[in-house]
Every structure is written in structure tokens, then in C-alpha cells.
Amino acid sequence: MEAGDDTVDHLPVVKLFAPDAGATWLLTDID
């Protein structure tokens, strides 16, 4: 981004889920 380029379309690194709430997250990066 600092170089003015597009970001990388990363593969998800981790899948998180709330077993009793129906929520899911696929995370790719941390700022």
C-alpha cells in the first residue's frame, strides 16, 4: 500500500468460530 500497489489476496491463515453463536471468522492478516 505504501508503494501504491494493490494488496495481496492472501489465503486465510486461521478459521475461528463461536460454537454457540453461529459466527465464523477467516483471518488473513494483522495490521
Full PDB file with SEQRES, HELIX, SHEET, SSBOND, CRYST1, ORIGX, SCALE, CONECT and MASTER records, all heavy atoms in Angstrom:
SEQRES   1 A   31  MET GLU ALA GLY ASP ASP THR VAL ASP HIS LEU PRO VAL          
SEQRES   2 A   31  VAL LYS LEU PHE ALA PRO ASP ALA GLY ALA THR TRP LEU          
SEQRES   3 A   31  LEU THR ASP ILE ASP                                          
SHEET    1 AA1 2 VAL A  14  ALA A  18  0                                        
SHEET    2 AA1 2 ALA A  23  LEU A  27 -1                                        
CRYST1    1.000    1.000    1.000  90.00  90.00  90.00 P 1           1          
ORIGX1      1.000000  0.000000  0.000000        0.00000                         
ORIGX2      0.000000  1.000000  0.000000        0.00000                         
ORIGX3      0.000000  0.000000  1.000000        0.00000                         
SCALE1      1.000000  0.000000  0.000000        0.00000                         
SCALE2      0.000000  1.000000  0.000000        0.00000                         
SCALE3      0.000000  0.000000  1.000000        0.00000                         
ATOM      1  N   MET A   1       0.832  -1.209   0.000  1.00  0.00           N  
ATOM      2  CA  MET A   1       0.000   0.000   0.000  1.00  0.00           C  
ATOM      3  C   MET A   1       0.866   1.258   0.000  1.00  0.00           C  
ATOM      4  O   MET A   1       0.557   2.226  -0.698  1.00  0.00           O  
ATOM      5  CB  MET A   1      -0.951  -0.002   1.201  1.00  0.00           C  
ATOM      6  CG  MET A   1      -2.086  -1.000   1.049  1.00  0.00           C  
ATOM      7  SD  MET A   1      -3.339  -0.896   2.344  1.00  0.00           S  
ATOM      8  CE  MET A   1      -2.441  -1.511   3.757  1.00  0.00           C  
ATOM      9  N   GLU A   2       1.947   1.242   0.781  1.00  0.00           N  
ATOM     10  CA  GLU A   2       2.858   2.386   0.818  1.00  0.00           C  
ATOM     11  C   GLU A   2       3.498   2.631  -0.536  1.00  0.00           C  
ATOM     12  O   GLU A   2       3.823   3.766  -0.885  1.00  0.00           O  
ATOM     13  CB  GLU A   2       3.925   2.184   1.887  1.00  0.00           C  
ATOM     14  CG  GLU A   2       3.388   2.294   3.302  1.00  0.00           C  
ATOM     15  CD  GLU A   2       4.388   1.896   4.357  1.00  0.00           C  
ATOM     16  OE1 GLU A   2       5.477   1.352   4.014  1.00  0.00           O  
ATOM     17  OE2 GLU A   2       4.082   2.095   5.551  1.00  0.00           O  
ATOM     18  N   ALA A   3       3.688   1.562  -1.315  1.00  0.00           N  
ATOM     19  CA  ALA A   3       4.284   1.678  -2.649  1.00  0.00           C  
ATOM     20  C   ALA A   3       3.229   2.008  -3.711  1.00  0.00           C  
ATOM     21  O   ALA A   3       3.567   2.160  -4.882  1.00  0.00           O  
ATOM     22  CB  ALA A   3       4.998   0.383  -3.015  1.00  0.00           C  
ATOM     23  N   GLY A   4       1.964   2.086  -3.299  1.00  0.00           N  
ATOM     24  CA  GLY A   4       0.896   2.388  -4.247  1.00  0.00           C  
ATOM     25  C   GLY A   4       0.398   1.184  -5.016  1.00  0.00           C  
ATOM     26  O   GLY A   4      -0.294   1.332  -6.025  1.00  0.00           O  
ATOM     27  N   ASP A   5       0.736   0.006  -4.555  1.00  0.00           N  
ATOM     28  CA  ASP A   5       0.320  -1.230  -5.223  1.00  0.00           C  
ATOM     29  C   ASP A   5      -0.927  -1.804  -4.553  1.00  0.00           C  
ATOM     30  O   ASP A   5      -1.277  -1.445  -3.429  1.00  0.00           O  
ATOM     31  CB  ASP A   5       1.439  -2.271  -5.160  1.00  0.00           C  
ATOM     32  CG  ASP A   5       2.667  -1.859  -5.942  1.00  0.00           C  
ATOM     33  OD1 ASP A   5       2.522  -1.150  -6.955  1.00  0.00           O  
ATOM     34  OD2 ASP A   5       3.782  -2.236  -5.529  1.00  0.00           O  
ATOM     35  N   ASP A   6      -1.575  -2.720  -5.250  1.00  0.00           N  
ATOM     36  CA  ASP A   6      -2.710  -3.438  -4.677  1.00  0.00           C  
ATOM     37  C   ASP A   6      -2.223  -4.375  -3.590  1.00  0.00           C  
ATOM     38  O   ASP A   6      -1.086  -4.865  -3.632  1.00  0.00           O  
ATOM     39  CB  ASP A   6      -3.431  -4.265  -5.752  1.00  0.00           C  
ATOM     40  CG  ASP A   6      -4.155  -3.401  -6.762  1.00  0.00           C  
ATOM     41  OD1 ASP A   6      -4.516  -2.260  -6.426  1.00  0.00           O  
ATOM     42  OD2 ASP A   6      -4.367  -3.879  -7.891  1.00  0.00           O  
ATOM     43  N   THR A   7      -3.084  -4.654  -2.640  1.00  0.00           N  
ATOM     44  CA  THR A   7      -2.729  -5.603  -1.589  1.00  0.00           C  
ATOM     45  C   THR A   7      -2.775  -7.025  -2.132  1.00  0.00           C  
ATOM     46  O   THR A   7      -3.402  -7.299  -3.157  1.00  0.00           O  
ATOM     47  CB  THR A   7      -3.683  -5.475  -0.388  1.00  0.00           C  
ATOM     48  OG1 THR A   7      -5.019  -5.680  -0.835  1.00  0.00           O  
ATOM     49  CG2 THR A   7      -3.561  -4.115   0.273  1.00  0.00           C  
ATOM     50  N   VAL A   8      -2.119  -7.921  -1.431  1.00  0.00           N  
ATOM     51  CA  VAL A   8      -2.111  -9.333  -1.792  1.00  0.00           C  
ATOM     52  C   VAL A   8      -3.422  -9.965  -1.332  1.00  0.00           C  
ATOM     53  O   VAL A   8      -3.907  -9.692  -0.233  1.00  0.00           O  
ATOM     54  CB  VAL A   8      -0.919 -10.067  -1.129  1.00  0.00           C  
ATOM     55  CG1 VAL A   8      -0.961 -11.554  -1.418  1.00  0.00           C  
ATOM     56  CG2 VAL A   8       0.391  -9.456  -1.588  1.00  0.00           C  
ATOM     57  N   ASP A   9      -4.001 -10.793  -2.173  1.00  0.00           N  
ATOM     58  CA  ASP A   9      -5.218 -11.536  -1.841  1.00  0.00           C  
ATOM     59  C   ASP A   9      -4.778 -12.822  -1.130  1.00  0.00           C  
ATOM     60  O   ASP A   9      -4.710 -13.882  -1.721  1.00  0.00           O  
ATOM     61  CB  ASP A   9      -5.993 -11.834  -3.132  1.00  0.00           C  
ATOM     62  CG  ASP A   9      -7.365 -12.418  -2.887  1.00  0.00           C  
ATOM     63  OD1 ASP A   9      -7.831 -12.413  -1.729  1.00  0.00           O  
ATOM     64  OD2 ASP A   9      -7.973 -12.886  -3.867  1.00  0.00           O  
ATOM     65  N   HIS A  10      -4.461 -12.687   0.160  1.00  0.00           N  
ATOM     66  CA  HIS A  10      -3.897 -13.796   0.934  1.00  0.00           C  
ATOM     67  C   HIS A  10      -4.891 -14.935   1.147  1.00  0.00           C  
ATOM     68  O   HIS A  10      -6.105 -14.725   1.174  1.00  0.00           O  
ATOM     69  CB  HIS A  10      -3.449 -13.319   2.318  1.00  0.00           C  
ATOM     70  CG  HIS A  10      -2.273 -12.421   2.299  1.00  0.00           C  
ATOM     71  ND1 HIS A  10      -1.007 -12.833   1.969  1.00  0.00           N  
ATOM     72  CD2 HIS A  10      -2.154 -11.102   2.580  1.00  0.00           C  
ATOM     73  CE1 HIS A  10      -0.161 -11.834   2.053  1.00  0.00           C  
ATOM     74  NE2 HIS A  10      -0.831 -10.761   2.416  1.00  0.00           N  
ATOM     75  N   LEU A  11      -4.347 -16.118   1.334  1.00  0.00           N  
ATOM     76  CA  LEU A  11      -5.142 -17.239   1.814  1.00  0.00           C  
ATOM     77  C   LEU A  11      -5.433 -17.001   3.294  1.00  0.00           C  
ATOM     78  O   LEU A  11      -4.589 -16.448   4.006  1.00  0.00           O  
ATOM     79  CB  LEU A  11      -4.376 -18.554   1.670  1.00  0.00           C  
ATOM     80  CG  LEU A  11      -4.480 -19.297   0.344  1.00  0.00           C  
ATOM     81  CD1 LEU A  11      -3.861 -18.540  -0.788  1.00  0.00           C  
ATOM     82  CD2 LEU A  11      -3.868 -20.665   0.493  1.00  0.00           C  
ATOM     83  N   PRO A  12      -6.602 -17.408   3.766  1.00  0.00           N  
ATOM     84  CA  PRO A  12      -6.857 -17.301   5.204  1.00  0.00           C  
ATOM     85  C   PRO A  12      -5.821 -18.107   5.985  1.00  0.00           C  
ATOM     86  O   PRO A  12      -5.420 -19.191   5.572  1.00  0.00           O  
ATOM     87  CB  PRO A  12      -8.252 -17.913   5.371  1.00  0.00           C  
ATOM     88  CG  PRO A  12      -8.884 -17.804   4.023  1.00  0.00           C  
ATOM     89  CD  PRO A  12      -7.762 -17.933   3.044  1.00  0.00           C  
ATOM     90  N   VAL A  13      -5.401 -17.561   7.105  1.00  0.00           N  
ATOM     91  CA  VAL A  13      -4.406 -18.208   7.959  1.00  0.00           C  
ATOM     92  C   VAL A  13      -5.091 -19.026   9.042  1.00  0.00           C  
ATOM     93  O   VAL A  13      -4.602 -20.084   9.428  1.00  0.00           O  
ATOM     94  CB  VAL A  13      -3.471 -17.147   8.588  1.00  0.00           C  
ATOM     95  CG1 VAL A  13      -2.514 -17.764   9.589  1.00  0.00           C  
ATOM     96  CG2 VAL A  13      -2.727 -16.390   7.502  1.00  0.00           C  
ATOM     97  N   VAL A  14      -6.229 -18.531   9.525  1.00  0.00           N  
ATOM     98  CA  VAL A  14      -6.902 -19.179  10.642  1.00  0.00           C  
ATOM     99  C   VAL A  14      -8.417 -19.043  10.499  1.00  0.00           C  
ATOM    100  O   VAL A  14      -8.909 -18.037   9.980  1.00  0.00           O  
ATOM    101  CB  VAL A  14      -6.415 -18.589  11.990  1.00  0.00           C  
ATOM    102  CG1 VAL A  14      -6.777 -17.125  12.144  1.00  0.00           C  
ATOM    103  CG2 VAL A  14      -6.913 -19.384  13.167  1.00  0.00           C  
ATOM    104  N   LYS A  15      -9.118 -20.074  10.931  1.00  0.00           N  
ATOM    105  CA  LYS A  15     -10.579 -20.048  10.993  1.00  0.00           C  
ATOM    106  C   LYS A  15     -10.978 -20.115  12.461  1.00  0.00           C  
ATOM    107  O   LYS A  15     -10.568 -21.027  13.187  1.00  0.00           O  
ATOM    108  CB  LYS A  15     -11.180 -21.236  10.249  1.00  0.00           C  
ATOM    109  CG  LYS A  15     -12.695 -21.310  10.365  1.00  0.00           C  
ATOM    110  CD  LYS A  15     -13.251 -22.562   9.705  1.00  0.00           C  
ATOM    111  CE  LYS A  15     -14.754 -22.674   9.891  1.00  0.00           C  
ATOM    112  NZ  LYS A  15     -15.276 -23.926   9.325  1.00  0.00           N  
ATOM    113  N   LEU A  16     -11.760 -19.132  12.888  1.00  0.00           N  
ATOM    114  CA  LEU A  16     -12.292 -19.098  14.241  1.00  0.00           C  
ATOM    115  C   LEU A  16     -13.803 -19.210  14.170  1.00  0.00           C  
ATOM    116  O   LEU A  16     -14.417 -18.798  13.180  1.00  0.00           O  
ATOM    117  CB  LEU A  16     -11.911 -17.784  14.929  1.00  0.00           C  
ATOM    118  CG  LEU A  16     -10.421 -17.431  14.969  1.00  0.00           C  
ATOM    119  CD1 LEU A  16     -10.221 -16.060  15.589  1.00  0.00           C  
ATOM    120  CD2 LEU A  16      -9.640 -18.491  15.719  1.00  0.00           C  
ATOM    121  N   PHE A  17     -14.413 -19.751  15.213  1.00  0.00           N  
ATOM    122  CA  PHE A  17     -15.865 -19.866  15.226  1.00  0.00           C  
ATOM    123  C   PHE A  17     -16.381 -19.824  16.659  1.00  0.00           C  
ATOM    124  O   PHE A  17     -15.666 -20.172  17.605  1.00  0.00           O  
ATOM    125  CB  PHE A  17     -16.321 -21.155  14.526  1.00  0.00           C  
ATOM    126  CG  PHE A  17     -15.880 -22.415  15.213  1.00  0.00           C  
ATOM    127  CD1 PHE A  17     -16.727 -23.092  16.086  1.00  0.00           C  
ATOM    128  CD2 PHE A  17     -14.609 -22.942  14.992  1.00  0.00           C  
ATOM    129  CE1 PHE A  17     -16.310 -24.249  16.725  1.00  0.00           C  
ATOM    130  CE2 PHE A  17     -14.196 -24.101  15.615  1.00  0.00           C  
ATOM    131  CZ  PHE A  17     -15.045 -24.756  16.495  1.00  0.00           C  
ATOM    132  N   ALA A  18     -17.612 -19.369  16.796  1.00  0.00           N  
ATOM    133  CA  ALA A  18     -18.296 -19.363  18.090  1.00  0.00           C  
ATOM    134  C   ALA A  18     -19.265 -20.536  18.071  1.00  0.00           C  
ATOM    135  O   ALA A  18     -20.269 -20.496  17.362  1.00  0.00           O  
ATOM    136  CB  ALA A  18     -19.033 -18.043  18.290  1.00  0.00           C  
ATOM    137  N   PRO A  19     -18.968 -21.600  18.805  1.00  0.00           N  
ATOM    138  CA  PRO A  19     -19.756 -22.830  18.701  1.00  0.00           C  
ATOM    139  C   PRO A  19     -21.226 -22.678  19.103  1.00  0.00           C  
ATOM    140  O   PRO A  19     -22.058 -23.451  18.656  1.00  0.00           O  
ATOM    141  CB  PRO A  19     -19.030 -23.810  19.628  1.00  0.00           C  
ATOM    142  CG  PRO A  19     -18.169 -22.985  20.495  1.00  0.00           C  
ATOM    143  CD  PRO A  19     -17.875 -21.720  19.763  1.00  0.00           C  
ATOM    144  N   ASP A  20     -21.537 -21.673  19.902  1.00  0.00           N  
ATOM    145  CA  ASP A  20     -22.927 -21.495  20.325  1.00  0.00           C  
ATOM    146  C   ASP A  20     -23.507 -20.150  19.887  1.00  0.00           C  
ATOM    147  O   ASP A  20     -24.479 -19.671  20.453  1.00  0.00           O  
ATOM    148  CB  ASP A  20     -23.053 -21.660  21.840  1.00  0.00           C  
ATOM    149  CG  ASP A  20     -22.186 -20.691  22.619  1.00  0.00           C  
ATOM    150  OD1 ASP A  20     -21.305 -20.059  22.022  1.00  0.00           O  
ATOM    151  OD2 ASP A  20     -22.396 -20.567  23.840  1.00  0.00           O  
ATOM    152  N   ALA A  21     -22.910 -19.570  18.835  1.00  0.00           N  
ATOM    153  CA  ALA A  21     -23.415 -18.284  18.344  1.00  0.00           C  
ATOM    154  C   ALA A  21     -23.532 -18.223  16.826  1.00  0.00           C  
ATOM    155  O   ALA A  21     -24.041 -17.255  16.291  1.00  0.00           O  
ATOM    156  CB  ALA A  21     -22.527 -17.146  18.848  1.00  0.00           C  
ATOM    157  N   GLY A  22     -23.031 -19.230  16.115  1.00  0.00           N  
ATOM    158  CA  GLY A  22     -23.150 -19.239  14.654  1.00  0.00           C  
ATOM    159  C   GLY A  22     -22.243 -18.268  13.931  1.00  0.00           C  
ATOM    160  O   GLY A  22     -22.443 -17.990  12.764  1.00  0.00           O  
ATOM    161  N   ALA A  23     -21.243 -17.723  14.611  1.00  0.00           N  
ATOM    162  CA  ALA A  23     -20.333 -16.762  13.993  1.00  0.00           C  
ATOM    163  C   ALA A  23     -19.039 -17.464  13.574  1.00  0.00           C  
ATOM    164  O   ALA A  23     -18.589 -18.403  14.228  1.00  0.00           O  
ATOM    165  CB  ALA A  23     -20.022 -15.632  14.959  1.00  0.00           C  
ATOM    166  N   THR A  24     -18.458 -16.968  12.469  1.00  0.00           N  
ATOM    167  CA  THR A  24     -17.221 -17.536  11.930  1.00  0.00           C  
ATOM    168  C   THR A  24     -16.352 -16.408  11.392  1.00  0.00           C  
ATOM    169  O   THR A  24     -16.870 -15.435  10.831  1.00  0.00           O  
ATOM    170  CB  THR A  24     -17.527 -18.516  10.782  1.00  0.00           C  
ATOM    171  OG1 THR A  24     -18.449 -19.499  11.247  1.00  0.00           O  
ATOM    172  CG2 THR A  24     -16.271 -19.201  10.275  1.00  0.00           C  
ATOM    173  N   TRP A  25     -15.045 -16.568  11.549  1.00  0.00           N  
ATOM    174  CA  TRP A  25     -14.091 -15.606  11.017  1.00  0.00           C  
ATOM    175  C   TRP A  25     -12.979 -16.356  10.303  1.00  0.00           C  
ATOM    176  O   TRP A  25     -12.430 -17.317  10.832  1.00  0.00           O  
ATOM    177  CB  TRP A  25     -13.465 -14.776  12.139  1.00  0.00           C  
ATOM    178  CG  TRP A  25     -14.446 -13.981  12.922  1.00  0.00           C  
ATOM    179  CD1 TRP A  25     -14.792 -12.673  12.722  1.00  0.00           C  
ATOM    180  CD2 TRP A  25     -15.201 -14.415  14.058  1.00  0.00           C  
ATOM    181  NE1 TRP A  25     -15.722 -12.290  13.650  1.00  0.00           N  
ATOM    182  CE2 TRP A  25     -15.995 -13.340  14.479  1.00  0.00           C  
ATOM    183  CE3 TRP A  25     -15.298 -15.624  14.749  1.00  0.00           C  
ATOM    184  CZ2 TRP A  25     -16.857 -13.428  15.563  1.00  0.00           C  
ATOM    185  CZ3 TRP A  25     -16.158 -15.718  15.818  1.00  0.00           C  
ATOM    186  CH2 TRP A  25     -16.921 -14.629  16.227  1.00  0.00           C  
ATOM    187  N   LEU A  26     -12.634 -15.919   9.108  1.00  0.00           N  
ATOM    188  CA  LEU A  26     -11.456 -16.399   8.380  1.00  0.00           C  
ATOM    189  C   LEU A  26     -10.504 -15.216   8.310  1.00  0.00           C  
ATOM    190  O   LEU A  26     -10.800 -14.228   7.630  1.00  0.00           O  
ATOM    191  CB  LEU A  26     -11.813 -16.860   6.968  1.00  0.00           C  
ATOM    192  CG  LEU A  26     -12.728 -18.060   6.817  1.00  0.00           C  
ATOM    193  CD1 LEU A  26     -12.982 -18.335   5.335  1.00  0.00           C  
ATOM    194  CD2 LEU A  26     -12.138 -19.279   7.484  1.00  0.00           C  
ATOM    195  N   LEU A  27      -9.399 -15.286   9.009  1.00  0.00           N  
ATOM    196  CA  LEU A  27      -8.499 -14.139   9.108  1.00  0.00           C  
ATOM    197  C   LEU A  27      -7.254 -14.336   8.257  1.00  0.00           C  
ATOM    198  O   LEU A  27      -6.677 -15.423   8.218  1.00  0.00           O  
ATOM    199  CB  LEU A  27      -8.106 -13.922  10.573  1.00  0.00           C  
ATOM    200  CG  LEU A  27      -9.287 -13.723  11.532  1.00  0.00           C  
ATOM    201  CD1 LEU A  27      -8.794 -13.562  12.960  1.00  0.00           C  
ATOM    202  CD2 LEU A  27     -10.153 -12.550  11.112  1.00  0.00           C  
ATOM    203  N   THR A  28      -6.854 -13.247   7.601  1.00  0.00           N  
ATOM    204  CA  THR A  28      -5.704 -13.295   6.700  1.00  0.00           C  
ATOM    205  C   THR A  28      -4.497 -12.525   7.205  1.00  0.00           C  
ATOM    206  O   THR A  28      -3.372 -12.880   6.894  1.00  0.00           O  
ATOM    207  CB  THR A  28      -6.061 -12.726   5.315  1.00  0.00           C  
ATOM    208  OG1 THR A  28      -6.497 -11.372   5.470  1.00  0.00           O  
ATOM    209  CG2 THR A  28      -7.122 -13.550   4.630  1.00  0.00           C  
ATOM    210  N   ASP A  29      -4.723 -11.437   7.945  1.00  0.00           N  
ATOM    211  CA  ASP A  29      -3.583 -10.635   8.367  1.00  0.00           C  
ATOM    212  C   ASP A  29      -3.914  -9.764   9.565  1.00  0.00           C  
ATOM    213  O   ASP A  29      -5.074  -9.586   9.917  1.00  0.00           O  
ATOM    214  CB  ASP A  29      -3.034  -9.793   7.210  1.00  0.00           C  
ATOM    215  CG  ASP A  29      -4.060  -8.901   6.548  1.00  0.00           C  
ATOM    216  OD1 ASP A  29      -4.208  -7.758   7.003  1.00  0.00           O  
ATOM    217  OD2 ASP A  29      -4.693  -9.336   5.575  1.00  0.00           O  
ATOM    218  N   ILE A  30      -2.850  -9.252  10.175  1.00  0.00           N  
ATOM    219  CA  ILE A  30      -2.939  -8.320  11.292  1.00  0.00           C  
ATOM    220  C   ILE A  30      -2.172  -7.066  10.895  1.00  0.00           C  
ATOM    221  O   ILE A  30      -1.050  -7.148  10.393  1.00  0.00           O  
ATOM    222  CB  ILE A  30      -2.344  -8.922  12.583  1.00  0.00           C  
ATOM    223  CG1 ILE A  30      -3.256 -10.038  13.102  1.00  0.00           C  
ATOM    224  CG2 ILE A  30      -2.140  -7.856  13.649  1.00  0.00           C  
ATOM    225  CD1 ILE A  30      -2.719 -10.750  14.330  1.00  0.00           C  
ATOM    226  N   ASP A  31      -2.782  -5.934  11.140  1.00  0.00           N  
ATOM    227  CA  ASP A  31      -2.149  -4.649  10.870  1.00  0.00           C  
ATOM    228  C   ASP A  31      -0.927  -4.496  11.787  1.00  0.00           C  
ATOM    229  O   ASP A  31      -1.078  -4.500  13.013  1.00  0.00           O  
ATOM    230  CB  ASP A  31      -3.152  -3.528  11.138  1.00  0.00           C  
ATOM    231  CG  ASP A  31      -2.644  -2.153  10.760  1.00  0.00           C  
ATOM    232  OD1 ASP A  31      -1.419  -1.914  10.842  1.00  0.00           O  
ATOM    233  OD2 ASP A  31      -3.466  -1.300  10.393  1.00  0.00           O  
TER     234      ASP A  31                                                      
MASTER        0    0    0    0    2    0    0    6  233    1    0    3          
END                                                                             
